[in-house]
Amino acid sequence: LGGPNGMIRQTEFFVYSEKDRKALEKCMELGYEFP
């Protein structure tokens, strides 16, 4: 949705549960600059 110019610049996660940390790590593995 945010497109190549990063109109959706950031998104924020909780990190307290194992589920949230796992999701965050899997999203980071995608290597997207944005969000």
All heavy atoms as atom14 arrays in JSON, in Angstrom:
{
  "sequence": "LGGPNGMIRQTEFFVYSEKDRKALEKCMELGYEFP",
  "atom14_mask": [
    [1, 1, 1, 1, 1, 1, 1, 1, 0, 0, 0, 0, 0, 0],
    [1, 1, 1, 1, 0, 0, 0, 0, 0, 0, 0, 0, 0, 0],
    [1, 1, 1, 1, 0, 0, 0, 0, 0, 0, 0, 0, 0, 0],
    [1, 1, 1, 1, 1, 1, 1, 0, 0, 0, 0, 0, 0, 0],
    [1, 1, 1, 1, 1, 1, 1, 1, 0, 0, 0, 0, 0, 0],
    [1, 1, 1, 1, 0, 0, 0, 0, 0, 0, 0, 0, 0, 0],
    [1, 1, 1, 1, 1, 1, 1, 1, 0, 0, 0, 0, 0, 0],
    [1, 1, 1, 1, 1, 1, 1, 1, 0, 0, 0, 0, 0, 0],
    [1, 1, 1, 1, 1, 1, 1, 1, 1, 1, 1, 0, 0, 0],
    [1, 1, 1, 1, 1, 1, 1, 1, 1, 0, 0, 0, 0, 0],
    [1, 1, 1, 1, 1, 1, 1, 0, 0, 0, 0, 0, 0, 0],
    [1, 1, 1, 1, 1, 1, 1, 1, 1, 0, 0, 0, 0, 0],
    [1, 1, 1, 1, 1, 1, 1, 1, 1, 1, 1, 0, 0, 0],
    [1, 1, 1, 1, 1, 1, 1, 1, 1, 1, 1, 0, 0, 0],
    [1, 1, 1, 1, 1, 1, 1, 0, 0, 0, 0, 0, 0, 0],
    [1, 1, 1, 1, 1, 1, 1, 1, 1, 1, 1, 1, 0, 0],
    [1, 1, 1, 1, 1, 1, 0, 0, 0, 0, 0, 0, 0, 0],
    [1, 1, 1, 1, 1, 1, 1, 1, 1, 0, 0, 0, 0, 0],
    [1, 1, 1, 1, 1, 1, 1, 1, 1, 0, 0, 0, 0, 0],
    [1, 1, 1, 1, 1, 1, 1, 1, 0, 0, 0, 0, 0, 0],
    [1, 1, 1, 1, 1, 1, 1, 1, 1, 1, 1, 0, 0, 0],
    [1, 1, 1, 1, 1, 1, 1, 1, 1, 0, 0, 0, 0, 0],
    [1, 1, 1, 1, 1, 0, 0, 0, 0, 0, 0, 0, 0, 0],
    [1, 1, 1, 1, 1, 1, 1, 1, 0, 0, 0, 0, 0, 0],
    [1, 1, 1, 1, 1, 1, 1, 1, 1, 0, 0, 0, 0, 0],
    [1, 1, 1, 1, 1, 1, 1, 1, 1, 0, 0, 0, 0, 0],
    [1, 1, 1, 1, 1, 1, 0, 0, 0, 0, 0, 0, 0, 0],
    [1, 1, 1, 1, 1, 1, 1, 1, 0, 0, 0, 0, 0, 0],
    [1, 1, 1, 1, 1, 1, 1, 1, 1, 0, 0, 0, 0, 0],
    [1, 1, 1, 1, 1, 1, 1, 1, 0, 0, 0, 0, 0, 0],
    [1, 1, 1, 1, 0, 0, 0, 0, 0, 0, 0, 0, 0, 0],
    [1, 1, 1, 1, 1, 1, 1, 1, 1, 1, 1, 1, 0, 0],
    [1, 1, 1, 1, 1, 1, 1, 1, 1, 0, 0, 0, 0, 0],
    [1, 1, 1, 1, 1, 1, 1, 1, 1, 1, 1, 0, 0, 0],
    [1, 1, 1, 1, 1, 1, 1, 0, 0, 0, 0, 0, 0, 0]
  ],
  "atom14_positions": [
    [[0.82, -1.21, 0.0], [0.0, 0.0, 0.0], [0.86, 1.26, 0.0], [0.58, 2.21, -0.73], [-0.92, 0.0, 1.22], [-1.73, 1.27, 1.5], [-2.62, 1.63, 0.32], [-2.58, 1.1, 2.75], [0.0, 0.0, 0.0], [0.0, 0.0, 0.0], [0.0, 0.0, 0.0], [0.0, 0.0, 0.0], [0.0, 0.0, 0.0], [0.0, 0.0, 0.0]],
    [[1.91, 1.28, 0.81], [2.75, 2.47, 0.93], [3.54, 2.81, -0.31], [3.93, 3.97, -0.51], [0.0, 0.0, 0.0], [0.0, 0.0, 0.0], [0.0, 0.0, 0.0], [0.0, 0.0, 0.0], [0.0, 0.0, 0.0], [0.0, 0.0, 0.0], [0.0, 0.0, 0.0], [0.0, 0.0, 0.0], [0.0, 0.0, 0.0], [0.0, 0.0, 0.0]],
    [[3.78, 1.82, -1.16], [4.46, 2.08, -2.43], [5.95, 2.29, -2.3], [6.51, 2.3, -1.2], [0.0, 0.0, 0.0], [0.0, 0.0, 0.0], [0.0, 0.0, 0.0], [0.0, 0.0, 0.0], [0.0, 0.0, 0.0], [0.0, 0.0, 0.0], [0.0, 0.0, 0.0], [0.0, 0.0, 0.0], [0.0, 0.0, 0.0], [0.0, 0.0, 0.0]],
    [[6.61, 2.5, -3.43], [8.08, 2.58, -3.46], [8.65, 3.81, -2.76], [9.84, 3.84, -2.43], [8.4, 2.61, -4.96], [7.16, 3.16, -5.6], [6.02, 2.65, -4.78], [0.0, 0.0, 0.0], [0.0, 0.0, 0.0], [0.0, 0.0, 0.0], [0.0, 0.0, 0.0], [0.0, 0.0, 0.0], [0.0, 0.0, 0.0], [0.0, 0.0, 0.0]],
    [[7.82, 4.84, -2.54], [8.32, 6.06, -1.91], [8.13, 6.07, -0.4], [8.39, 7.08, 0.26], [7.63, 7.28, -2.52], [7.93, 7.41, -4.01], [9.06, 7.21, -4.45], [6.91, 7.74, -4.79], [0.0, 0.0, 0.0], [0.0, 0.0, 0.0], [0.0, 0.0, 0.0], [0.0, 0.0, 0.0], [0.0, 0.0, 0.0], [0.0, 0.0, 0.0]],
    [[7.67, 4.95, 0.14], [7.56, 4.83, 1.59], [6.57, 5.78, 2.22], [6.84, 6.36, 3.27], [0.0, 0.0, 0.0], [0.0, 0.0, 0.0], [0.0, 0.0, 0.0], [0.0, 0.0, 0.0], [0.0, 0.0, 0.0], [0.0, 0.0, 0.0], [0.0, 0.0, 0.0], [0.0, 0.0, 0.0], [0.0, 0.0, 0.0], [0.0, 0.0, 0.0]],
    [[5.39, 5.92, 1.59], [4.39, 6.81, 2.19], [3.9, 6.29, 3.54], [3.51, 7.07, 4.39], [3.22, 6.98, 1.23], [3.42, 8.07, 0.21], [3.69, 9.69, 0.95], [2.2, 9.87, 1.91], [0.0, 0.0, 0.0], [0.0, 0.0, 0.0], [0.0, 0.0, 0.0], [0.0, 0.0, 0.0], [0.0, 0.0, 0.0], [0.0, 0.0, 0.0]],
    [[3.93, 4.98, 3.74], [3.73, 4.43, 5.08], [5.13, 4.19, 5.62], [5.77, 3.18, 5.35], [2.88, 3.15, 5.06], [1.53, 3.44, 4.41], [2.67, 2.63, 6.49], [0.64, 2.24, 4.27], [0.0, 0.0, 0.0], [0.0, 0.0, 0.0], [0.0, 0.0, 0.0], [0.0, 0.0, 0.0], [0.0, 0.0, 0.0], [0.0, 0.0, 0.0]],
    [[5.62, 5.15, 6.37], [7.04, 5.23, 6.69], [7.48, 4.23, 7.76], [8.58, 3.68, 7.69], [7.37, 6.67, 7.14], [8.82, 7.07, 7.12], [9.41, 7.12, 5.73], [8.66, 7.89, 4.77], [8.83, 9.2, 4.54], [9.72, 9.88, 5.25], [8.14, 9.82, 3.6], [0.0, 0.0, 0.0], [0.0, 0.0, 0.0], [0.0, 0.0, 0.0]],
    [[6.63, 4.03, 8.77], [7.01, 3.17, 9.89], [5.79, 2.39, 10.4], [4.65, 2.79, 10.18], [7.59, 4.0, 11.05], [8.88, 4.71, 10.75], [9.35, 5.54, 11.93], [8.56, 6.22, 12.58], [10.64, 5.48, 12.23], [0.0, 0.0, 0.0], [0.0, 0.0, 0.0], [0.0, 0.0, 0.0], [0.0, 0.0, 0.0], [0.0, 0.0, 0.0]],
    [[6.05, 1.3, 11.09], [5.02, 0.59, 11.84], [5.64, 0.09, 13.13], [6.85, -0.18, 13.17], [4.41, -0.57, 11.03], [3.32, -1.14, 11.76], [5.43, -1.66, 10.74], [0.0, 0.0, 0.0], [0.0, 0.0, 0.0], [0.0, 0.0, 0.0], [0.0, 0.0, 0.0], [0.0, 0.0, 0.0], [0.0, 0.0, 0.0], [0.0, 0.0, 0.0]],
    [[4.85, 0.0, 14.19], [5.4, -0.33, 15.5], [4.85, -1.64, 16.03], [3.69, -1.98, 15.79], [5.16, 0.8, 16.51], [3.7, 1.14, 16.72], [3.49, 2.36, 17.59], [4.07, 2.4, 18.7], [2.76, 3.27, 17.18], [0.0, 0.0, 0.0], [0.0, 0.0, 0.0], [0.0, 0.0, 0.0], [0.0, 0.0, 0.0], [0.0, 0.0, 0.0]],
    [[5.69, -2.36, 16.75], [5.37, -3.67, 17.3], [5.56, -3.68, 18.81], [6.42, -2.97, 19.34], [6.3, -4.74, 16.72], [6.03, -5.13, 15.3], [6.35, -4.28, 14.25], [5.47, -6.37, 14.99], [6.13, -4.65, 12.93], [5.25, -6.75, 13.67], [5.58, -5.88, 12.65], [0.0, 0.0, 0.0], [0.0, 0.0, 0.0], [0.0, 0.0, 0.0]],
    [[4.77, -4.51, 19.5], [5.12, -4.93, 20.85], [6.24, -5.97, 20.76], [6.41, -6.62, 19.72], [3.92, -5.57, 21.55], [2.88, -4.6, 22.04], [1.54, -4.74, 21.67], [3.22, -3.56, 22.88], [0.58, -3.85, 22.12], [2.27, -2.67, 23.36], [0.95, -2.82, 22.97], [0.0, 0.0, 0.0], [0.0, 0.0, 0.0], [0.0, 0.0, 0.0]],
    [[6.98, -6.14, 21.83], [8.04, -7.15, 21.83], [8.0, -8.04, 23.07], [8.94, -8.77, 23.35], [9.45, -6.5, 21.74], [9.65, -5.87, 20.38], [9.65, -5.47, 22.85], [0.0, 0.0, 0.0], [0.0, 0.0, 0.0], [0.0, 0.0, 0.0], [0.0, 0.0, 0.0], [0.0, 0.0, 0.0], [0.0, 0.0, 0.0], [0.0, 0.0, 0.0]],
    [[6.89, -8.02, 23.81], [6.86, -8.74, 25.09], [6.56, -10.22, 24.94], [7.1, -11.04, 25.67], [5.86, -8.07, 26.03], [6.27, -6.67, 26.38], [5.44, -5.59, 26.13], [7.53, -6.42, 26.92], [5.84, -4.3, 26.43], [7.93, -5.13, 27.21], [7.08, -4.08, 26.97], [7.49, -2.82, 27.25], [0.0, 0.0, 0.0], [0.0, 0.0, 0.0]],
    [[5.68, -10.58, 24.01], [5.35, -11.99, 23.87], [6.25, -12.63, 22.82], [6.77, -11.95, 21.91], [3.89, -12.17, 23.47], [3.69, -11.79, 22.12], [0.0, 0.0, 0.0], [0.0, 0.0, 0.0], [0.0, 0.0, 0.0], [0.0, 0.0, 0.0], [0.0, 0.0, 0.0], [0.0, 0.0, 0.0], [0.0, 0.0, 0.0], [0.0, 0.0, 0.0]],
    [[6.4, -13.93, 22.91], [7.2, -14.65, 21.92], [6.58, -14.52, 20.53], [7.29, -14.39, 19.52], [7.29, -16.13, 22.32], [8.15, -16.96, 21.37], [8.25, -18.42, 21.81], [7.82, -18.73, 22.94], [8.74, -19.23, 21.0], [0.0, 0.0, 0.0], [0.0, 0.0, 0.0], [0.0, 0.0, 0.0], [0.0, 0.0, 0.0], [0.0, 0.0, 0.0]],
    [[5.24, -14.52, 20.48], [4.54, -14.37, 19.2], [4.88, -13.05, 18.54], [5.17, -12.98, 17.34], [3.03, -14.48, 19.42], [2.2, -14.17, 18.18], [0.72, -14.28, 18.46], [0.25, -13.18, 19.4], [0.3, -11.85, 18.74], [0.0, 0.0, 0.0], [0.0, 0.0, 0.0], [0.0, 0.0, 0.0], [0.0, 0.0, 0.0], [0.0, 0.0, 0.0]],
    [[4.83, -11.94, 19.32], [5.12, -10.62, 18.76], [6.57, -10.52, 18.3], [6.86, -9.96, 17.24], [4.82, -9.53, 19.78], [3.32, -9.3, 19.97], [2.56, -9.54, 19.02], [2.91, -8.91, 21.08], [0.0, 0.0, 0.0], [0.0, 0.0, 0.0], [0.0, 0.0, 0.0], [0.0, 0.0, 0.0], [0.0, 0.0, 0.0], [0.0, 0.0, 0.0]],
    [[7.49, -11.05, 19.09], [8.9, -11.0, 18.7], [9.14, -11.81, 17.44], [9.9, -11.41, 16.55], [9.8, -11.5, 19.84], [9.93, -10.54, 21.0], [11.09, -10.9, 21.9], [10.93, -12.23, 22.5], [10.26, -12.47, 23.62], [9.68, -11.47, 24.27], [10.16, -13.7, 24.1], [0.0, 0.0, 0.0], [0.0, 0.0, 0.0], [0.0, 0.0, 0.0]],
    [[8.5, -12.97, 17.35], [8.67, -13.81, 16.17], [8.13, -13.1, 14.93], [8.76, -13.14, 13.86], [7.94, -15.14, 16.38], [8.17, -16.16, 15.27], [7.5, -17.49, 15.61], [7.73, -18.51, 14.48], [7.06, -19.8, 14.78], [0.0, 0.0, 0.0], [0.0, 0.0, 0.0], [0.0, 0.0, 0.0], [0.0, 0.0, 0.0], [0.0, 0.0, 0.0]],
    [[6.96, -12.46, 15.07], [6.39, -11.72, 13.95], [7.31, -10.59, 13.52], [7.55, -10.37, 12.33], [5.01, -11.19, 14.31], [0.0, 0.0, 0.0], [0.0, 0.0, 0.0], [0.0, 0.0, 0.0], [0.0, 0.0, 0.0], [0.0, 0.0, 0.0], [0.0, 0.0, 0.0], [0.0, 0.0, 0.0], [0.0, 0.0, 0.0], [0.0, 0.0, 0.0]],
    [[7.83, -9.86, 14.5], [8.74, -8.75, 14.2], [9.97, -9.26, 13.45], [10.39, -8.67, 12.44], [9.14, -8.06, 15.51], [10.02, -6.81, 15.43], [9.78, -5.94, 16.66], [11.5, -7.15, 15.35], [0.0, 0.0, 0.0], [0.0, 0.0, 0.0], [0.0, 0.0, 0.0], [0.0, 0.0, 0.0], [0.0, 0.0, 0.0], [0.0, 0.0, 0.0]],
    [[10.54, -10.34, 13.93], [11.74, -10.89, 13.3], [11.46, -11.36, 11.88], [12.26, -11.15, 10.96], [12.31, -12.01, 14.15], [12.92, -11.52, 15.47], [13.16, -12.63, 16.47], [12.8, -13.79, 16.18], [13.71, -12.32, 17.56], [0.0, 0.0, 0.0], [0.0, 0.0, 0.0], [0.0, 0.0, 0.0], [0.0, 0.0, 0.0], [0.0, 0.0, 0.0]],
    [[10.31, -12.01, 11.67], [9.95, -12.49, 10.33], [9.71, -11.32, 9.38], [10.05, -11.39, 8.19], [8.72, -13.39, 10.4], [9.02, -14.8, 10.91], [7.8, -15.7, 10.8], [8.16, -17.14, 11.15], [9.08, -17.73, 10.14], [0.0, 0.0, 0.0], [0.0, 0.0, 0.0], [0.0, 0.0, 0.0], [0.0, 0.0, 0.0], [0.0, 0.0, 0.0]],
    [[9.13, -10.24, 9.9], [8.93, -9.06, 9.06], [10.26, -8.41, 8.7], [10.47, -7.97, 7.56], [8.02, -8.06, 9.77], [6.28, -8.59, 9.89], [0.0, 0.0, 0.0], [0.0, 0.0, 0.0], [0.0, 0.0, 0.0], [0.0, 0.0, 0.0], [0.0, 0.0, 0.0], [0.0, 0.0, 0.0], [0.0, 0.0, 0.0], [0.0, 0.0, 0.0]],
    [[11.18, -8.36, 9.64], [12.5, -7.79, 9.36], [13.25, -8.61, 8.32], [14.0, -8.06, 7.5], [13.31, -7.68, 10.65], [12.79, -6.66, 11.64], [13.91, -6.33, 13.01], [15.19, -5.38, 12.2], [0.0, 0.0, 0.0], [0.0, 0.0, 0.0], [0.0, 0.0, 0.0], [0.0, 0.0, 0.0], [0.0, 0.0, 0.0], [0.0, 0.0, 0.0]],
    [[13.04, -9.92, 8.35], [13.7, -10.8, 7.37], [13.29, -10.5, 5.94], [14.01, -10.84, 4.99], [13.4, -12.26, 7.7], [14.1, -12.78, 8.94], [13.6, -14.17, 9.35], [12.76, -14.74, 8.62], [14.03, -14.66, 10.42], [0.0, 0.0, 0.0], [0.0, 0.0, 0.0], [0.0, 0.0, 0.0], [0.0, 0.0, 0.0], [0.0, 0.0, 0.0]],
    [[12.13, -9.86, 5.76], [11.68, -9.52, 4.41], [12.56, -8.46, 3.78], [12.58, -8.32, 2.55], [10.23, -9.05, 4.45], [9.19, -10.09, 4.87], [7.83, -9.44, 5.08], [9.08, -11.19, 3.81], [0.0, 0.0, 0.0], [0.0, 0.0, 0.0], [0.0, 0.0, 0.0], [0.0, 0.0, 0.0], [0.0, 0.0, 0.0], [0.0, 0.0, 0.0]],
    [[13.26, -7.67, 4.6], [14.22, -6.71, 4.09], [13.62, -5.45, 3.5], [14.29, -4.71, 2.77], [0.0, 0.0, 0.0], [0.0, 0.0, 0.0], [0.0, 0.0, 0.0], [0.0, 0.0, 0.0], [0.0, 0.0, 0.0], [0.0, 0.0, 0.0], [0.0, 0.0, 0.0], [0.0, 0.0, 0.0], [0.0, 0.0, 0.0], [0.0, 0.0, 0.0]],
    [[12.35, -5.14, 3.83], [11.73, -3.93, 3.29], [12.33, -2.68, 3.94], [12.53, -2.64, 5.16], [10.22, -3.93, 3.56], [9.44, -5.03, 2.9], [8.24, -5.47, 3.46], [9.86, -5.62, 1.71], [7.48, -6.47, 2.86], [9.11, -6.63, 1.11], [7.92, -7.05, 1.69], [7.18, -8.03, 1.1], [0.0, 0.0, 0.0], [0.0, 0.0, 0.0]],
    [[12.55, -1.67, 3.12], [12.95, -0.38, 3.69], [11.78, 0.29, 4.39], [11.94, 0.92, 5.44], [13.48, 0.53, 2.58], [13.96, 1.89, 3.08], [14.5, 2.78, 1.98], [14.42, 2.39, 0.79], [14.98, 3.89, 2.3], [0.0, 0.0, 0.0], [0.0, 0.0, 0.0], [0.0, 0.0, 0.0], [0.0, 0.0, 0.0], [0.0, 0.0, 0.0]],
    [[10.58, 0.13, 3.79], [9.37, 0.72, 4.35], [8.25, -0.32, 4.41], [8.15, -1.17, 3.51], [8.9, 1.9, 3.49], [9.91, 2.98, 3.32], [10.46, 3.24, 2.07], [10.32, 3.74, 4.4], [11.38, 4.25, 1.9], [11.25, 4.76, 4.25], [11.79, 5.01, 2.99], [0.0, 0.0, 0.0], [0.0, 0.0, 0.0], [0.0, 0.0, 0.0]],
    [[7.41, -0.28, 5.43], [7.53, 0.57, 6.61], [8.69, 0.11, 7.51], [8.85, -1.1, 7.72], [6.19, 0.37, 7.34], [5.31, -0.41, 6.42], [6.19, -1.13, 5.48], [0.0, 0.0, 0.0], [0.0, 0.0, 0.0], [0.0, 0.0, 0.0], [0.0, 0.0, 0.0], [0.0, 0.0, 0.0], [0.0, 0.0, 0.0], [0.0, 0.0, 0.0]]
  ]
}
